[in-house]
Amino acid sequence: MEVVSSLLGSIDKAHKRIAELEEELSKYKQEFEQLKINYFIVMDEHSDLKWNLGFPKGHYADEWFIARLDTGAKVVLRALPEEYAYDFTTADETYYKSWRIKKWMQFPDSEFLPPPAAAKEGE
């Protein structure tokens, strides 16, 4: 009986330790997400790429473009036909609404001239 009690006590301690480690991991995940966002902000400030604010309109949305989402993530998108509920899609068919896009840029090999209201470097 003493062995069973000892084992139960060990299991209880292990469960408590697992809970502590899960909480610690959660904090590290949050810190990591913030560091990723900060990294992309710094990279944008030191990049010579031309970002445009908002989302592309008209023929600019018809070809693939790079988008910065509200989460800080970068994705490659293109417009969907108007009858779709969402506005843009990725190559793997992940769908996004236009309000999620904070900035966008053309690929260097774009067929179109840059839009007239292109953001200045670092904006």
N, C-alpha and C. Protein backbone atom coordinates (compact mmCIF):
# COMPACT_ATOMS: atom_id res chain seq x y z
N MET A 1 0.82 -1.19 0.00
CA MET A 1 0.00 0.00 0.00
C MET A 1 0.87 1.26 0.00
N GLU A 2 1.98 1.16 0.69
CA GLU A 2 2.89 2.29 0.76
C GLU A 2 3.48 2.61 -0.62
N VAL A 3 3.74 1.59 -1.41
CA VAL A 3 4.27 1.77 -2.76
C VAL A 3 3.24 2.48 -3.63
N VAL A 4 1.99 2.09 -3.52
CA VAL A 4 0.92 2.72 -4.29
C VAL A 4 0.80 4.19 -3.92
N SER A 5 0.85 4.48 -2.63
CA SER A 5 0.78 5.87 -2.16
C SER A 5 1.94 6.68 -2.70
N SER A 6 3.11 6.10 -2.69
CA SER A 6 4.30 6.78 -3.19
C SER A 6 4.17 7.05 -4.69
N LEU A 7 3.67 6.06 -5.44
CA LEU A 7 3.48 6.24 -6.87
C LEU A 7 2.44 7.32 -7.17
N LEU A 8 1.34 7.32 -6.42
CA LEU A 8 0.32 8.35 -6.61
C LEU A 8 0.87 9.74 -6.31
N GLY A 9 1.69 9.83 -5.27
CA GLY A 9 2.33 11.10 -4.94
C GLY A 9 3.26 11.56 -6.06
N SER A 10 4.00 10.63 -6.64
CA SER A 10 4.90 10.95 -7.75
C SER A 10 4.12 11.40 -8.98
N ILE A 11 3.02 10.74 -9.25
CA ILE A 11 2.17 11.11 -10.39
C ILE A 11 1.61 12.51 -10.19
N ASP A 12 1.16 12.81 -8.97
CA ASP A 12 0.62 14.14 -8.67
C ASP A 12 1.70 15.21 -8.87
N LYS A 13 2.92 14.95 -8.40
CA LYS A 13 4.02 15.91 -8.58
C LYS A 13 4.32 16.10 -10.08
N ALA A 14 4.29 15.00 -10.82
CA ALA A 14 4.57 15.08 -12.26
C ALA A 14 3.51 15.92 -12.96
N HIS A 15 2.23 15.75 -12.60
CA HIS A 15 1.16 16.54 -13.20
C HIS A 15 1.34 18.03 -12.89
N LYS A 16 1.73 18.34 -11.67
CA LYS A 16 1.96 19.74 -11.31
C LYS A 16 3.11 20.33 -12.10
N ARG A 17 4.18 19.54 -12.26
CA ARG A 17 5.34 20.01 -13.01
C ARG A 17 4.98 20.22 -14.49
N ILE A 18 4.19 19.32 -15.04
CA ILE A 18 3.76 19.45 -16.43
C ILE A 18 2.94 20.74 -16.60
N ALA A 19 2.06 21.02 -15.65
CA ALA A 19 1.26 22.25 -15.72
C ALA A 19 2.16 23.48 -15.67
N GLU A 20 3.18 23.45 -14.81
CA GLU A 20 4.13 24.57 -14.73
C GLU A 20 4.87 24.76 -16.05
N LEU A 21 5.32 23.66 -16.63
CA LEU A 21 6.05 23.73 -17.89
C LEU A 21 5.16 24.21 -19.04
N GLU A 22 3.90 23.80 -19.05
CA GLU A 22 2.96 24.27 -20.08
C GLU A 22 2.74 25.77 -19.96
N GLU A 23 2.64 26.26 -18.74
CA GLU A 23 2.47 27.70 -18.53
C GLU A 23 3.72 28.46 -18.99
N GLU A 24 4.89 27.93 -18.66
CA GLU A 24 6.14 28.55 -19.09
C GLU A 24 6.26 28.55 -20.61
N LEU A 25 5.89 27.45 -21.24
CA LEU A 25 5.92 27.36 -22.70
C LEU A 25 4.97 28.37 -23.33
N SER A 26 3.81 28.55 -22.75
CA SER A 26 2.85 29.52 -23.26
C SER A 26 3.44 30.93 -23.23
N LYS A 27 4.14 31.27 -22.15
CA LYS A 27 4.77 32.59 -22.05
C LYS A 27 5.84 32.75 -23.12
N TYR A 28 6.64 31.70 -23.35
CA TYR A 28 7.68 31.76 -24.37
C TYR A 28 7.08 31.91 -25.77
N LYS A 29 5.97 31.24 -26.01
CA LYS A 29 5.30 31.36 -27.30
C LYS A 29 4.83 32.79 -27.53
N GLN A 30 4.27 33.43 -26.51
CA GLN A 30 3.81 34.81 -26.63
C GLN A 30 4.99 35.74 -26.89
N GLU A 31 6.09 35.54 -26.16
CA GLU A 31 7.28 36.36 -26.37
C GLU A 31 7.83 36.17 -27.78
N PHE A 32 7.82 34.93 -28.26
CA PHE A 32 8.32 34.64 -29.59
C PHE A 32 7.47 35.34 -30.65
N GLU A 33 6.15 35.31 -30.51
CA GLU A 33 5.28 35.97 -31.48
C GLU A 33 5.55 37.47 -31.51
N GLN A 34 5.77 38.08 -30.34
CA GLN A 34 6.06 39.50 -30.30
C GLN A 34 7.41 39.79 -30.95
N LEU A 35 8.40 38.93 -30.71
CA LEU A 35 9.71 39.10 -31.34
C LEU A 35 9.61 38.99 -32.86
N LYS A 36 8.79 38.07 -33.36
CA LYS A 36 8.60 37.94 -34.80
C LYS A 36 8.03 39.22 -35.38
N ILE A 37 7.01 39.77 -34.73
CA ILE A 37 6.40 41.01 -35.20
C ILE A 37 7.43 42.14 -35.20
N ASN A 38 8.20 42.27 -34.11
CA ASN A 38 9.22 43.30 -34.02
C ASN A 38 10.28 43.13 -35.10
N TYR A 39 10.67 41.88 -35.38
CA TYR A 39 11.65 41.60 -36.41
C TYR A 39 11.16 42.09 -37.77
N PHE A 40 9.91 41.79 -38.10
CA PHE A 40 9.38 42.20 -39.40
C PHE A 40 9.27 43.72 -39.49
N ILE A 41 8.95 44.37 -38.39
CA ILE A 41 8.89 45.84 -38.40
C ILE A 41 10.27 46.41 -38.70
N VAL A 42 11.30 45.88 -38.03
CA VAL A 42 12.67 46.35 -38.26
C VAL A 42 13.12 46.05 -39.68
N MET A 43 12.80 44.86 -40.17
CA MET A 43 13.19 44.50 -41.53
C MET A 43 12.52 45.43 -42.55
N ASP A 44 11.27 45.78 -42.31
CA ASP A 44 10.57 46.69 -43.22
C ASP A 44 11.23 48.06 -43.23
N GLU A 45 11.66 48.52 -42.05
CA GLU A 45 12.27 49.84 -41.95
C GLU A 45 13.60 49.92 -42.69
N HIS A 46 14.29 48.80 -42.82
CA HIS A 46 15.61 48.79 -43.45
C HIS A 46 15.60 48.13 -44.83
N SER A 47 14.46 47.99 -45.39
CA SER A 47 14.33 47.35 -46.69
C SER A 47 14.20 48.40 -47.77
N ASP A 48 14.68 48.07 -48.97
CA ASP A 48 14.49 48.98 -50.10
C ASP A 48 13.28 48.59 -50.94
N LEU A 49 12.45 47.71 -50.40
CA LEU A 49 11.23 47.31 -51.10
C LEU A 49 10.18 48.41 -50.98
N LYS A 50 9.33 48.52 -51.98
CA LYS A 50 8.29 49.55 -52.01
C LYS A 50 6.96 48.98 -51.55
N TRP A 51 6.53 49.36 -50.38
CA TRP A 51 5.25 48.91 -49.84
C TRP A 51 4.17 49.92 -50.20
N ASN A 52 2.99 49.44 -50.45
CA ASN A 52 1.81 50.26 -50.70
C ASN A 52 0.85 50.01 -49.54
N LEU A 53 0.26 51.04 -49.03
CA LEU A 53 -0.65 50.90 -47.90
C LEU A 53 -1.98 50.31 -48.35
N GLY A 54 -2.63 49.57 -47.46
CA GLY A 54 -3.92 48.97 -47.78
C GLY A 54 -3.76 47.72 -48.62
N PHE A 55 -4.73 47.47 -49.49
CA PHE A 55 -4.69 46.30 -50.36
C PHE A 55 -4.75 46.75 -51.82
N PRO A 56 -4.25 45.93 -52.75
CA PRO A 56 -4.25 46.34 -54.16
C PRO A 56 -5.65 46.35 -54.75
N LYS A 57 -5.86 47.27 -55.65
CA LYS A 57 -7.16 47.39 -56.31
C LYS A 57 -6.96 47.26 -57.81
N GLY A 58 -8.02 46.91 -58.50
CA GLY A 58 -7.98 46.82 -59.95
C GLY A 58 -7.04 45.75 -60.45
N HIS A 59 -6.34 46.05 -61.54
CA HIS A 59 -5.48 45.05 -62.17
C HIS A 59 -4.29 44.65 -61.31
N TYR A 60 -3.92 45.46 -60.32
CA TYR A 60 -2.80 45.11 -59.44
C TYR A 60 -3.10 43.87 -58.60
N ALA A 61 -4.37 43.65 -58.31
CA ALA A 61 -4.76 42.48 -57.51
C ALA A 61 -4.88 41.21 -58.35
N ASP A 62 -4.90 41.36 -59.68
CA ASP A 62 -5.08 40.20 -60.54
C ASP A 62 -3.84 39.31 -60.63
N GLU A 63 -2.68 39.89 -60.39
CA GLU A 63 -1.47 39.06 -60.39
C GLU A 63 -1.05 38.82 -58.94
N TRP A 64 -0.18 37.87 -58.74
CA TRP A 64 0.30 37.55 -57.39
C TRP A 64 1.06 38.73 -56.82
N PHE A 65 0.87 38.99 -55.53
CA PHE A 65 1.55 40.08 -54.85
C PHE A 65 1.89 39.64 -53.42
N ILE A 66 2.80 40.36 -52.79
CA ILE A 66 3.21 40.09 -51.42
C ILE A 66 2.38 40.99 -50.50
N ALA A 67 1.82 40.41 -49.46
CA ALA A 67 0.98 41.19 -48.54
C ALA A 67 1.52 41.04 -47.12
N ARG A 68 1.43 42.14 -46.37
CA ARG A 68 1.71 42.13 -44.93
C ARG A 68 0.35 42.15 -44.25
N LEU A 69 0.05 41.12 -43.47
CA LEU A 69 -1.25 41.02 -42.82
C LEU A 69 -1.28 41.78 -41.50
N ASP A 70 -2.45 41.88 -40.91
CA ASP A 70 -2.61 42.56 -39.63
C ASP A 70 -1.86 41.83 -38.51
N THR A 71 -1.49 40.59 -38.70
CA THR A 71 -0.73 39.83 -37.72
C THR A 71 0.77 40.05 -37.84
N GLY A 72 1.19 40.71 -38.92
CA GLY A 72 2.61 40.90 -39.18
C GLY A 72 3.17 39.87 -40.15
N ALA A 73 2.39 38.85 -40.45
CA ALA A 73 2.85 37.79 -41.36
C ALA A 73 2.86 38.30 -42.79
N LYS A 74 3.77 37.74 -43.59
CA LYS A 74 3.81 38.03 -45.02
C LYS A 74 3.26 36.82 -45.76
N VAL A 75 2.39 37.08 -46.73
CA VAL A 75 1.81 36.02 -47.56
C VAL A 75 1.80 36.48 -49.01
N VAL A 76 1.70 35.53 -49.91
CA VAL A 76 1.58 35.83 -51.33
C VAL A 76 0.13 35.57 -51.73
N LEU A 77 -0.50 36.59 -52.31
CA LEU A 77 -1.94 36.53 -52.61
C LEU A 77 -2.25 36.97 -54.03
N ARG A 78 -3.47 36.70 -54.43
CA ARG A 78 -4.05 37.30 -55.63
C ARG A 78 -5.56 37.37 -55.41
N ALA A 79 -6.22 38.21 -56.21
CA ALA A 79 -7.65 38.45 -56.03
C ALA A 79 -8.48 37.24 -56.46
N LEU A 80 -9.62 37.11 -55.81
CA LEU A 80 -10.63 36.12 -56.19
C LEU A 80 -11.72 36.83 -57.01
N PRO A 81 -12.49 36.10 -57.79
CA PRO A 81 -13.62 36.72 -58.49
C PRO A 81 -14.60 37.34 -57.49
N GLU A 82 -15.34 38.33 -57.92
CA GLU A 82 -16.24 39.07 -57.04
C GLU A 82 -17.30 38.21 -56.37
N GLU A 83 -17.70 37.10 -56.98
CA GLU A 83 -18.76 36.28 -56.40
C GLU A 83 -18.31 35.49 -55.16
N TYR A 84 -17.03 35.47 -54.87
CA TYR A 84 -16.53 34.79 -53.67
C TYR A 84 -16.79 35.63 -52.43
N ALA A 85 -16.94 34.97 -51.29
CA ALA A 85 -17.15 35.68 -50.02
C ALA A 85 -15.86 36.34 -49.54
N TYR A 86 -14.73 35.75 -49.90
CA TYR A 86 -13.43 36.33 -49.52
C TYR A 86 -12.87 37.10 -50.70
N ASP A 87 -11.86 37.95 -50.42
CA ASP A 87 -11.32 38.82 -51.45
C ASP A 87 -10.05 38.27 -52.12
N PHE A 88 -9.21 37.56 -51.35
CA PHE A 88 -7.92 37.12 -51.85
C PHE A 88 -7.66 35.67 -51.45
N THR A 89 -6.74 35.02 -52.18
CA THR A 89 -6.37 33.65 -51.88
C THR A 89 -4.87 33.45 -52.03
N THR A 90 -4.35 32.44 -51.33
CA THR A 90 -2.97 32.01 -51.50
C THR A 90 -2.96 30.85 -52.49
N ALA A 91 -1.79 30.39 -52.88
CA ALA A 91 -1.69 29.26 -53.81
C ALA A 91 -2.27 27.98 -53.21
N ASP A 92 -2.23 27.86 -51.87
CA ASP A 92 -2.78 26.65 -51.23
C ASP A 92 -4.24 26.84 -50.82
N GLU A 93 -4.88 27.85 -51.39
CA GLU A 93 -6.30 28.12 -51.18
C GLU A 93 -6.68 28.50 -49.75
N THR A 94 -5.80 29.27 -49.10
CA THR A 94 -6.16 29.92 -47.85
C THR A 94 -6.77 31.27 -48.25
N TYR A 95 -7.90 31.62 -47.67
CA TYR A 95 -8.63 32.80 -48.10
C TYR A 95 -8.53 33.93 -47.08
N TYR A 96 -8.48 35.17 -47.59
CA TYR A 96 -8.37 36.35 -46.74
C TYR A 96 -9.33 37.43 -47.20
N LYS A 97 -9.84 38.18 -46.24
CA LYS A 97 -10.62 39.39 -46.52
C LYS A 97 -9.64 40.55 -46.70
N SER A 98 -10.04 41.54 -47.44
CA SER A 98 -9.14 42.67 -47.74
C SER A 98 -8.73 43.45 -46.49
N TRP A 99 -9.58 43.52 -45.48
CA TRP A 99 -9.25 44.29 -44.28
C TRP A 99 -8.05 43.72 -43.53
N ARG A 100 -7.71 42.46 -43.77
CA ARG A 100 -6.55 41.83 -43.11
C ARG A 100 -5.23 42.34 -43.67
N ILE A 101 -5.25 42.91 -44.89
CA ILE A 101 -4.02 43.35 -45.55
C ILE A 101 -3.72 44.79 -45.15
N LYS A 102 -2.56 44.99 -44.53
CA LYS A 102 -2.15 46.33 -44.10
C LYS A 102 -1.25 47.00 -45.13
N LYS A 103 -0.40 46.21 -45.81
CA LYS A 103 0.49 46.72 -46.85
C LYS A 103 0.62 45.65 -47.93
N TRP A 104 1.03 46.08 -49.10
CA TRP A 104 1.28 45.12 -50.18
C TRP A 104 2.36 45.65 -51.09
N MET A 105 2.98 44.74 -51.83
CA MET A 105 3.97 45.13 -52.83
C MET A 105 3.92 44.18 -54.01
N GLN A 106 4.34 44.68 -55.15
CA GLN A 106 4.42 43.87 -56.35
C GLN A 106 5.70 43.03 -56.31
N PHE A 107 5.70 41.94 -57.05
CA PHE A 107 6.94 41.20 -57.26
C PHE A 107 7.81 42.00 -58.21
N PRO A 108 9.12 41.87 -58.10
CA PRO A 108 10.01 42.62 -58.99
C PRO A 108 9.76 42.36 -60.48
N ASP A 109 9.25 41.19 -60.82
CA ASP A 109 9.01 40.88 -62.24
C ASP A 109 7.57 41.16 -62.66
N SER A 110 6.89 42.04 -61.95
CA SER A 110 5.50 42.38 -62.25
C SER A 110 5.35 42.91 -63.67
N GLU A 111 4.22 42.60 -64.27
CA GLU A 111 3.92 43.09 -65.62
C GLU A 111 3.45 44.54 -65.60
N PHE A 112 3.07 45.06 -64.45
CA PHE A 112 2.50 46.40 -64.34
C PHE A 112 3.49 47.38 -63.74
N LEU A 113 3.38 48.63 -64.13
CA LEU A 113 4.14 49.70 -63.49
C LEU A 113 3.64 49.85 -62.06
N PRO A 114 4.49 50.32 -61.14
CA PRO A 114 4.02 50.52 -59.77
C PRO A 114 2.87 51.52 -59.73
N PRO A 115 1.97 51.36 -58.76
CA PRO A 115 0.87 52.34 -58.65
C PRO A 115 1.41 53.72 -58.31
N PRO A 116 0.73 54.77 -58.72
CA PRO A 116 1.22 56.14 -58.50
C PRO A 116 1.35 56.51 -57.02
N ALA A 117 0.55 55.91 -56.16
CA ALA A 117 0.58 56.28 -54.73
C ALA A 117 1.43 55.31 -53.91
N ALA A 118 2.52 54.78 -54.49
CA ALA A 118 3.37 53.83 -53.77
C ALA A 118 3.96 54.51 -52.55
N ALA A 119 4.02 53.75 -51.44
CA ALA A 119 4.59 54.28 -50.20
C ALA A 119 6.08 54.48 -50.38
N LYS A 120 6.63 55.45 -49.67
CA LYS A 120 8.07 55.71 -49.72
C LYS A 120 8.80 54.58 -49.02
N GLU A 121 10.11 54.48 -49.26
CA GLU A 121 10.93 53.46 -48.63
C GLU A 121 10.80 53.57 -47.12
N GLY A 122 10.68 52.40 -46.47
CA GLY A 122 10.63 52.36 -45.02
C GLY A 122 9.28 52.67 -44.42
N GLU A 123 8.29 53.01 -45.20
CA GLU A 123 6.98 53.31 -44.62
C GLU A 123 6.21 52.03 -44.39
